């Protein structure tokens, strides 16, 4: 009887720890983004107001440390294991890249920060997202200012948005590394059924692990990035969750964070991709998705965690050491910032008033202007 009670108490304690950890993780991401954006806003707003050419660089550097903070939270604190396979040798902090990935969960982008932190640039990293996400307090405002690509999924509207978006980076003289989900939505029962119907209507193979990609947006983005940003490469990423899947943002609260996440990387120099012909480029993407389906079928059978990525053991060890130092530094910085803000909110009436006014101003700017539009209007572009 005592043994049964002990097991029951242990399960309850494990459940409390799991939920407690999930709530702590979620709240730390939310409040660090919210308070960080408001409290640090004078730094980058002054940079733009003074018409400094480095204004956007200052902001992108600040937000890249928050990306590293998120990675540090789930890797260092929660012990999530990131396995990166394929060949990462062509990835670079300086190259202009279009990253295409299967959209297994709504949080794939969050976990992909870990790859960028190791082999590419968190400062140059941009994501294509649903337009509704731009107004999330804190995180949405930060993504606006970071110039993430928000799409409404109506080509008549999105086409001009994409052109303006990529041409702006050309004006800054910046080479973005843009993450695009060609499937358009995450892999769930409803989207799986729609993909099956699409396959039947077009006499295509039915997929079990991915959705059929939408090629129009992909081919257009490739063309515009070649025109405006001197696109260097396309990075094809396959993500797999071999142990458990965290499907939505709200599921973070339960603390059921994936223990292992596998990224399989394939890099293609832009000269090796048929970009001059849209039909052939669309076929190229569809072929990559067929290979992606086969890769995932095999992976979920054998669950290979070897992590071979084209680098030597010594090179990987050095990268992991440098990355961990960077992640710990980001954790310390953002934890210290949040703790300082909490103390000031409790102790200082002036600080509370300033934060409330800051929140109100941010809400109004996000709703009626947009931080991306505001900062573009203040920016000074270098001579090209």
Protein backbone atom coordinates (compact mmCIF):
# COMPACT_ATOMS: atom_id res chain seq x y z
CA UNK A 1 0.00 0.00 0.00
CA UNK A 2 2.82 2.40 0.89
CA UNK A 3 4.57 1.56 -2.35
CA UNK A 4 1.46 2.42 -4.38
CA UNK A 5 1.11 5.71 -2.51
CA UNK A 6 4.80 6.51 -3.09
CA UNK A 7 4.43 5.86 -6.83
CA UNK A 8 1.30 8.00 -6.94
CA UNK A 9 3.06 10.86 -5.14
CA UNK A 10 6.05 10.53 -7.47
CA UNK A 11 3.84 10.80 -10.54
CA UNK A 12 2.10 13.86 -9.11
CA UNK A 13 5.44 15.47 -8.32
CA UNK A 14 6.70 14.75 -11.85
CA UNK A 15 3.52 16.27 -13.27
CA UNK A 16 3.94 19.39 -11.13
CA UNK A 17 7.57 19.73 -12.23
CA UNK A 18 6.59 19.26 -15.86
CA UNK A 19 3.81 21.85 -15.79
CA UNK A 20 5.89 24.18 -13.64
CA UNK A 21 8.79 23.97 -16.07
CA UNK A 22 6.48 24.54 -19.03
CA UNK A 23 4.85 27.58 -17.45
CA UNK A 24 8.25 29.00 -16.46
CA UNK A 25 9.62 28.47 -19.98
CA UNK A 26 6.58 30.03 -21.66
CA UNK A 27 6.41 33.00 -19.31
CA UNK A 28 10.15 33.63 -19.60
CA UNK A 29 9.87 33.82 -23.40
CA UNK A 30 6.77 36.01 -23.31
CA UNK A 31 7.85 38.50 -20.62
CA UNK A 32 11.46 38.73 -21.81
CA UNK A 33 10.18 39.64 -25.30
CA UNK A 34 7.61 42.09 -23.92
CA UNK A 35 9.77 43.84 -21.33
CA UNK A 36 12.89 43.61 -23.45
CA UNK A 37 11.26 45.32 -26.41
CA UNK A 38 9.81 48.14 -24.30
CA UNK A 39 12.78 48.69 -21.98
CA UNK A 40 15.48 48.47 -24.68
CA UNK A 41 13.48 50.48 -27.21
CA UNK A 42 15.31 53.75 -26.39
CA UNK A 43 18.58 52.15 -27.58
CA UNK A 44 17.49 51.33 -31.12
CA UNK A 45 14.91 54.14 -31.48
CA UNK A 46 17.68 56.66 -30.74
CA UNK A 47 19.80 54.91 -33.34
CA UNK A 48 17.08 55.39 -35.96
CA UNK A 49 16.14 58.89 -34.77
CA UNK A 50 19.76 60.04 -35.09
CA UNK A 51 19.69 58.69 -38.65
CA UNK A 52 22.56 56.31 -37.99
CA UNK A 53 23.26 53.85 -40.78
CA UNK A 54 23.86 51.19 -38.14
CA UNK A 55 20.36 51.58 -36.63
CA UNK A 56 19.00 48.33 -38.06
CA UNK A 57 22.26 46.54 -37.26
CA UNK A 58 21.93 47.60 -33.61
CA UNK A 59 18.38 46.29 -33.41
CA UNK A 60 19.14 43.01 -35.22
CA UNK A 61 22.06 42.41 -32.87
CA UNK A 62 19.85 42.93 -29.81
CA UNK A 63 17.11 40.60 -31.04
CA UNK A 64 19.66 37.95 -32.05
CA UNK A 65 20.63 37.69 -28.38
CA UNK A 66 16.97 36.98 -27.56
CA UNK A 67 17.00 34.19 -30.16
CA UNK A 68 20.06 32.80 -28.38
CA UNK A 69 18.26 33.18 -25.04
CA UNK A 70 15.40 31.01 -26.36
CA UNK A 71 17.86 28.37 -27.56
CA UNK A 72 19.67 28.46 -24.23
CA UNK A 73 16.38 28.03 -22.38
CA UNK A 74 15.43 24.79 -24.11
CA UNK A 75 18.95 23.41 -24.62
CA UNK A 76 20.86 24.37 -21.50
CA UNK A 77 18.01 24.46 -18.98
CA UNK A 78 15.63 21.80 -20.32
CA UNK A 79 18.22 19.56 -21.92
CA UNK A 80 16.71 19.40 -25.41
CA UNK A 81 19.12 17.54 -27.65
CA UNK A 82 19.67 19.08 -31.09
CA UNK A 83 20.98 16.65 -33.72
CA UNK A 84 22.15 18.15 -37.01
CA UNK A 85 22.81 15.81 -39.92
CA UNK A 86 23.59 16.26 -43.60
CA UNK A 87 26.27 18.71 -44.75
CA UNK A 88 26.58 22.08 -43.04
CA UNK A 89 29.94 23.03 -44.56
CA UNK A 90 28.31 25.32 -47.15
CA UNK A 91 26.40 27.28 -44.49
CA UNK A 92 27.88 30.65 -43.62
CA UNK A 93 27.17 33.74 -41.54
CA UNK A 94 27.69 35.94 -44.58
CA UNK A 95 25.79 34.18 -47.38
CA UNK A 96 22.33 35.16 -48.57
CA UNK A 97 20.20 32.06 -48.10
CA UNK A 98 16.66 30.87 -48.66
CA UNK A 99 15.87 28.14 -46.14
CA UNK A 100 12.97 25.81 -46.95
CA UNK A 101 11.71 23.35 -44.34
CA UNK A 102 8.81 20.98 -43.79
CA UNK A 103 6.36 22.45 -41.29
CA UNK A 104 5.83 19.62 -38.82
CA UNK A 105 4.73 21.85 -35.93
CA UNK A 106 3.94 25.51 -35.41
CA UNK A 107 7.18 25.83 -33.41
CA UNK A 108 9.69 24.55 -35.99
CA UNK A 109 11.02 28.09 -36.43
CA UNK A 110 11.76 28.40 -32.71
CA UNK A 111 13.82 25.23 -32.67
CA UNK A 112 15.63 26.13 -35.90
CA UNK A 113 17.27 28.98 -34.01
CA UNK A 114 19.63 26.27 -32.69
CA UNK A 115 20.95 25.55 -36.20
CA UNK A 116 21.39 29.23 -36.99
CA UNK A 117 23.25 29.77 -33.72
CA UNK A 118 25.80 27.15 -34.73
CA UNK A 119 26.39 27.49 -38.44
CA UNK A 120 24.78 30.66 -39.78
CA UNK A 121 23.72 34.07 -38.49
CA UNK A 122 21.03 34.78 -35.94
CA UNK A 123 21.38 38.48 -36.72
CA UNK A 124 20.56 37.96 -40.42
CA UNK A 125 17.87 35.36 -39.74
CA UNK A 126 14.34 36.23 -40.89
CA UNK A 127 11.16 34.15 -40.98
CA UNK A 128 8.04 34.12 -43.14
CA UNK A 129 4.99 34.01 -40.84
CA UNK A 130 1.23 34.47 -40.83
CA UNK A 131 0.24 38.13 -40.77
CA UNK A 132 -1.84 37.67 -37.60
CA UNK A 133 1.30 37.01 -35.55
CA UNK A 134 2.67 40.53 -36.06
CA UNK A 135 0.40 41.98 -33.35
CA UNK A 136 1.33 39.58 -30.52
CA UNK A 137 2.43 41.87 -27.65
CA UNK A 138 6.20 41.86 -27.31
CA UNK A 139 7.18 39.05 -29.66
CA UNK A 140 5.06 40.31 -32.55
CA UNK A 141 6.36 43.86 -32.16
CA UNK A 142 9.93 42.58 -32.06
CA UNK A 143 9.38 40.52 -35.22
CA UNK A 144 7.97 43.59 -36.98
CA UNK A 145 11.04 45.62 -36.08
CA UNK A 146 13.30 42.73 -37.10
CA UNK A 147 11.60 42.78 -40.51
CA UNK A 148 10.15 39.31 -40.53
CA UNK A 149 8.02 38.61 -43.59
CA UNK A 150 4.31 38.59 -42.66
CA UNK A 151 2.03 37.19 -45.35
CA UNK A 152 -1.77 37.17 -45.69
CA UNK A 153 -1.82 34.13 -48.00
CA UNK A 154 -3.48 36.09 -50.80
CA UNK A 155 -1.09 36.25 -53.70
CA UNK A 156 -2.56 39.50 -55.05
CA UNK A 157 -1.52 41.17 -51.78
CA UNK A 158 1.53 39.13 -50.84
CA UNK A 159 3.34 39.62 -54.15
CA UNK A 160 3.84 43.37 -53.65
CA UNK A 161 4.65 42.78 -49.98
CA UNK A 162 7.45 40.35 -50.91
CA UNK A 163 8.91 42.74 -53.50
CA UNK A 164 8.94 45.67 -51.04
CA UNK A 165 10.32 43.45 -48.30
CA UNK A 166 13.29 42.07 -50.25
CA UNK A 167 14.10 45.35 -51.96
CA UNK A 168 14.36 46.97 -48.51
CA UNK A 169 17.16 44.56 -47.58
CA UNK A 170 18.91 45.55 -50.81
CA UNK A 171 18.66 49.19 -49.71
CA UNK A 172 20.25 48.29 -46.37
CA UNK A 173 23.00 46.37 -48.16
CA UNK A 174 22.08 43.34 -46.05
CA UNK A 175 21.97 39.69 -47.12
CA UNK A 176 19.02 38.04 -45.33
CA UNK A 177 18.76 34.37 -44.42
CA UNK A 178 15.05 33.79 -44.88
CA UNK A 179 13.15 30.76 -43.57
CA UNK A 180 10.17 29.84 -45.76
CA UNK A 181 7.64 27.03 -45.20
CA UNK A 182 6.46 26.03 -48.71
CA UNK A 183 3.72 23.81 -47.24
CA UNK A 184 1.96 26.94 -46.02
CA UNK A 185 0.76 25.43 -42.74
CA UNK A 186 1.84 22.93 -40.12
CA UNK A 187 1.23 19.17 -40.35
CA UNK A 188 -2.07 18.38 -38.62
CA UNK A 189 -5.07 16.18 -39.35
CA UNK A 190 -6.96 18.89 -41.25
CA UNK A 191 -3.99 19.97 -43.36
CA UNK A 192 -3.06 16.32 -43.92
CA UNK A 193 -6.53 15.65 -45.35
CA UNK A 194 -6.32 18.69 -47.63
CA UNK A 195 -2.93 17.54 -48.88
CA UNK A 196 -4.36 14.09 -49.60
CA UNK A 197 -7.22 15.61 -51.59
CA UNK A 198 -4.78 17.78 -53.53
CA UNK A 199 -2.70 14.69 -54.35
CA UNK A 200 -5.79 12.81 -55.59
CA UNK A 201 -6.92 15.73 -57.77
CA UNK A 202 -3.49 16.13 -59.34
CA UNK A 203 -2.60 12.43 -59.55
CA UNK A 204 0.28 12.78 -57.13
CA UNK A 205 1.64 10.45 -54.47
CA UNK A 206 0.06 10.69 -51.03
CA UNK A 207 2.52 11.70 -48.32
CA UNK A 208 2.53 10.46 -44.73
CA UNK A 209 5.12 12.77 -43.15
CA UNK A 210 4.96 16.00 -45.16
CA UNK A 211 2.38 18.09 -47.01
CA UNK A 212 2.54 18.86 -50.71
CA UNK A 213 4.40 22.19 -51.12
CA UNK A 214 2.95 25.32 -52.70
CA UNK A 215 5.34 26.22 -55.49
CA UNK A 216 4.17 29.70 -56.57
CA UNK A 217 5.39 31.53 -53.48
CA UNK A 218 8.66 29.59 -53.48
CA UNK A 219 9.52 30.27 -57.13
CA UNK A 220 8.62 33.94 -56.74
CA UNK A 221 10.74 34.40 -53.60
CA UNK A 222 13.70 32.72 -55.31
CA UNK A 223 13.37 35.04 -58.30
CA UNK A 224 13.08 38.18 -56.20
CA UNK A 225 15.95 37.20 -53.89
CA UNK A 226 18.15 36.65 -56.95
CA UNK A 227 17.16 40.04 -58.29
CA UNK A 228 17.43 42.11 -55.11
CA UNK A 229 19.63 40.19 -52.67
CA UNK A 230 22.14 38.23 -54.77
CA UNK A 231 20.88 34.90 -53.47
CA UNK A 232 23.80 32.52 -52.84
CA UNK A 233 22.13 29.26 -51.86
CA UNK A 234 18.99 27.34 -51.06
CA UNK A 235 19.12 25.29 -47.85
CA UNK A 236 16.70 22.36 -47.74
CA UNK A 237 15.98 21.41 -44.12
CA UNK A 238 14.09 18.34 -42.96
CA UNK A 239 12.98 18.42 -39.33
CA UNK A 240 11.99 15.32 -37.35
CA UNK A 241 10.72 14.79 -33.81
CA UNK A 242 11.54 11.15 -32.99
CA UNK A 243 10.29 11.01 -29.38
CA UNK A 244 7.48 13.52 -28.86
CA UNK A 245 5.93 16.39 -30.79
CA UNK A 246 5.02 19.79 -29.40
CA UNK A 247 2.43 20.87 -31.97
CA UNK A 248 1.31 24.36 -30.90
CA UNK A 249 2.48 27.35 -28.86
CA UNK A 250 -0.08 26.72 -26.12
CA UNK A 251 1.29 23.20 -25.63
CA UNK A 252 4.49 24.77 -24.30
CA UNK A 253 2.65 25.35 -21.02
CA UNK A 254 2.35 21.61 -20.39
CA UNK A 255 6.13 21.30 -20.43
CA UNK A 256 6.05 18.45 -22.96
CA UNK A 257 9.09 19.85 -24.78
CA UNK A 258 10.68 17.47 -27.33
CA UNK A 259 13.66 15.69 -25.88
CA UNK A 260 15.36 15.25 -29.27
CA UNK A 261 15.00 17.33 -32.44
CA UNK A 262 16.74 16.26 -35.64
CA UNK A 263 17.56 18.59 -38.52
CA UNK A 264 18.79 17.13 -41.81
CA UNK A 265 20.56 19.76 -43.91
CA UNK A 266 21.10 19.85 -47.68
CA UNK A 267 22.74 22.95 -49.19
CA UNK A 268 22.46 23.86 -52.86
CA UNK A 269 24.51 26.56 -54.52
CA UNK A 270 22.12 28.74 -56.48
CA UNK A 271 24.00 27.95 -59.72
CA UNK A 272 23.03 24.28 -59.36
CA UNK A 273 19.28 25.02 -59.08
CA UNK A 274 17.14 25.60 -62.23
CA UNK A 275 16.12 29.13 -61.28
CA UNK A 276 15.79 30.48 -64.81
CA UNK A 277 12.62 28.52 -65.50
CA UNK A 278 9.74 28.69 -62.97
CA UNK A 279 8.20 25.40 -64.09
CA UNK A 280 11.49 23.54 -63.67
CA UNK A 281 12.13 25.29 -60.35
CA UNK A 282 8.70 24.17 -59.12
CA UNK A 283 9.52 20.60 -60.21
CA UNK A 284 12.82 20.87 -58.34
CA UNK A 285 10.98 21.77 -55.13
CA UNK A 286 8.45 18.98 -55.59
CA UNK A 287 11.32 16.54 -56.12
CA UNK A 288 12.96 17.72 -52.91
CA UNK A 289 9.68 17.10 -51.06
CA UNK A 290 9.43 13.56 -52.45
CA UNK A 291 12.95 12.92 -51.16
CA UNK A 292 11.99 14.53 -47.87
CA UNK A 293 9.09 12.09 -47.50
CA UNK A 294 11.37 9.13 -48.16
CA UNK A 295 13.99 10.48 -45.75
CA UNK A 296 11.45 10.80 -42.94
CA UNK A 297 10.00 7.34 -43.60
CA UNK A 298 13.46 5.84 -43.22
CA UNK A 299 14.35 8.01 -40.25
CA UNK A 300 11.30 7.04 -38.19
CA UNK A 301 12.14 3.38 -38.77
CA UNK A 302 15.83 3.50 -37.83
CA UNK A 303 15.99 6.77 -35.81
CA UNK A 304 19.57 7.57 -36.69
CA UNK A 305 21.00 10.10 -34.22
CA UNK A 306 24.55 9.92 -35.57
CA UNK A 307 24.69 13.64 -36.25
CA UNK A 308 27.21 13.36 -39.11
CA UNK A 309 27.30 16.78 -40.73
CA UNK A 310 30.42 16.92 -42.89
CA UNK A 311 32.64 18.40 -40.17
CA UNK A 312 35.32 16.63 -38.15
CA UNK A 313 34.83 15.72 -34.51
CA UNK A 314 37.27 18.47 -33.50
CA UNK A 315 35.40 21.09 -35.54
CA UNK A 316 32.06 20.06 -34.06
CA UNK A 317 33.49 20.12 -30.55
CA UNK A 318 34.79 23.66 -31.05
CA UNK A 319 31.45 24.84 -32.50
CA UNK A 320 29.51 23.29 -29.62
CA UNK A 321 31.81 24.87 -27.04
CA UNK A 322 31.54 28.33 -28.60
CA UNK A 323 27.77 27.97 -28.99
CA UNK A 324 27.27 26.96 -25.36
CA UNK A 325 29.26 29.98 -24.18
CA UNK A 326 27.13 32.23 -26.37
CA UNK A 327 23.88 30.66 -25.12
CA UNK A 328 24.89 30.93 -21.46
CA UNK A 329 25.88 34.59 -21.96
CA UNK A 330 22.46 35.28 -23.57
CA UNK A 331 20.71 33.50 -20.69
CA UNK A 332 22.58 35.58 -18.12
CA UNK A 333 21.91 38.84 -19.97
CA UNK A 334 18.16 38.32 -20.46
CA UNK A 335 17.61 36.76 -17.04
CA UNK A 336 19.39 39.73 -15.47
CA UNK A 337 17.37 42.19 -17.55
CA UNK A 338 14.05 40.56 -16.63
CA UNK A 339 14.96 40.33 -12.93
CA UNK A 340 15.99 44.00 -12.92
CA UNK A 341 12.71 44.98 -14.61
CA UNK A 342 10.66 43.03 -12.08
CA UNK A 343 12.49 44.68 -9.18
CA UNK A 344 12.01 48.14 -10.68
CA UNK A 345 8.33 47.45 -11.35
CA UNK A 346 7.89 46.56 -7.68
CA UNK A 347 9.97 49.39 -6.26
CA UNK A 348 9.72 52.33 -8.64
CA UNK A 349 6.51 54.19 -9.43
CA UNK A 350 8.28 56.19 -12.16
CA UNK A 351 9.47 53.01 -13.86
CA UNK A 352 5.96 51.53 -13.75
CA UNK A 353 4.53 54.65 -15.38
CA UNK A 354 7.23 54.62 -18.07
CA UNK A 355 6.59 50.95 -18.85
CA UNK A 356 2.82 51.49 -19.06
CA UNK A 357 3.28 54.43 -21.42
CA UNK A 358 5.78 52.39 -23.41
CA UNK A 359 3.31 49.52 -23.74
CA UNK A 360 0.56 51.89 -24.86
CA UNK A 361 2.78 53.54 -27.46
CA UNK A 362 3.97 50.16 -28.77
CA UNK A 363 0.38 48.94 -29.04
CA UNK A 364 -0.63 52.03 -31.03
CA UNK A 365 2.40 51.86 -33.34
CA UNK A 366 1.87 48.15 -33.99
CA UNK A 367 -1.84 48.60 -34.71
CA UNK A 368 -1.77 51.72 -36.90
CA UNK A 369 1.74 52.06 -38.36
CA UNK A 370 3.91 48.99 -37.82
CA UNK A 371 7.43 49.07 -36.44
CA UNK A 372 8.80 47.84 -39.77
CA UNK A 373 7.20 50.80 -41.57
CA UNK A 374 8.26 53.23 -38.84
CA UNK A 375 11.89 52.14 -38.82
CA UNK A 376 12.08 52.10 -42.62
CA UNK A 377 10.89 55.71 -42.66
CA UNK A 378 13.65 56.68 -40.19
CA UNK A 379 16.41 54.58 -41.71
CA UNK A 380 19.38 55.97 -43.60
CA UNK A 381 20.42 53.64 -46.40
CA UNK A 382 24.10 53.31 -47.34
CA UNK A 383 25.25 54.42 -50.76
CA UNK A 384 25.07 51.47 -53.11
